[in-house]
């Protein structure tokens, strides 16, 4: 990688790290506020739905702190113990977020079913509605801010937090329906709303986990991502063909391996310059990390034996 590209990448990583840190810290503060407001009001009036929504935010708070402390190490460069960098830490942090959310959702579901069987003791108050409206506004601001920051950071962990904030709005709406049920004389609606919230929480955690397992196991990207990389290689005027192409996730970044055919009469210096240009062009693409290219002389027939000539 050229010094210019290294410098640009270093500056981008510093900006991304600062944005990542701010967004995860804001998430932690916003969730803490939601827990205090909903938890206090839920306890005061005996609302299972409000307590379920507040407890959900306990998992969100833990997740935000984990992402803040652990996830930002992805922006630390390679070292002797991690020669390829720390990219896999980010999806690992996001996977932790998903696991915590699933476990909490199952616990809340149990509490809701218990409420349906044994009954609930909830007293309606306009303060319940006020607390839920505050929670929805709080989560909308967090969702908007986290999404805004992540447009430039492109972090799987921040995306997981943003999705969680958005889904929190839906769970608060479900809790609001339960509280309104108490107002019209059906207190069991509160437990039903708690159950709906719990199922949404479990589903959300499973989806976050499923996506990030893809990153951790080194799965292949979409066909569109693969085609974008192939087109970038073939766009270079010196490239005559590409084969033995392997593209896979290393954390949330894509690692590219390929054999590239060029004129066999090039000098070693000329071939080196072409390889450098190709590596720089690929690493200039969004989401591409390490690139490993092998230059083959055109016409030796090696490509005929390859399974994926492109």
Foldseek 3Di string as FASTA:
>chain_A
DDPVLVVVLLVLLVLLLVLQLVLLVLQLVLLVVLLVLLVVVCVVFFFLLSNLLSLLSVLLNVLSVLCNVFVSQQSPAADPVRNQGDQQSQLVSLLSSLVSLQVSLVVLLVVLVVCLVVPTRGDADVSNVVSLVSLLVSLVVSLVSLVVSCVSNVGLSSVLSSVSSVVSNVLSVLCVQQSVCVVVPRNNSSSVSSNVSSVSSNVSSVVSNVVSVQQVVFHADDPVVVVVLLCLLVVDPFFPWKFPWDWTHNRQAIEIEIETEGAPPDDPVVVVVSVVVSQSSQVVDPRHGHYHYHYDYPDPCPRVPTPGID
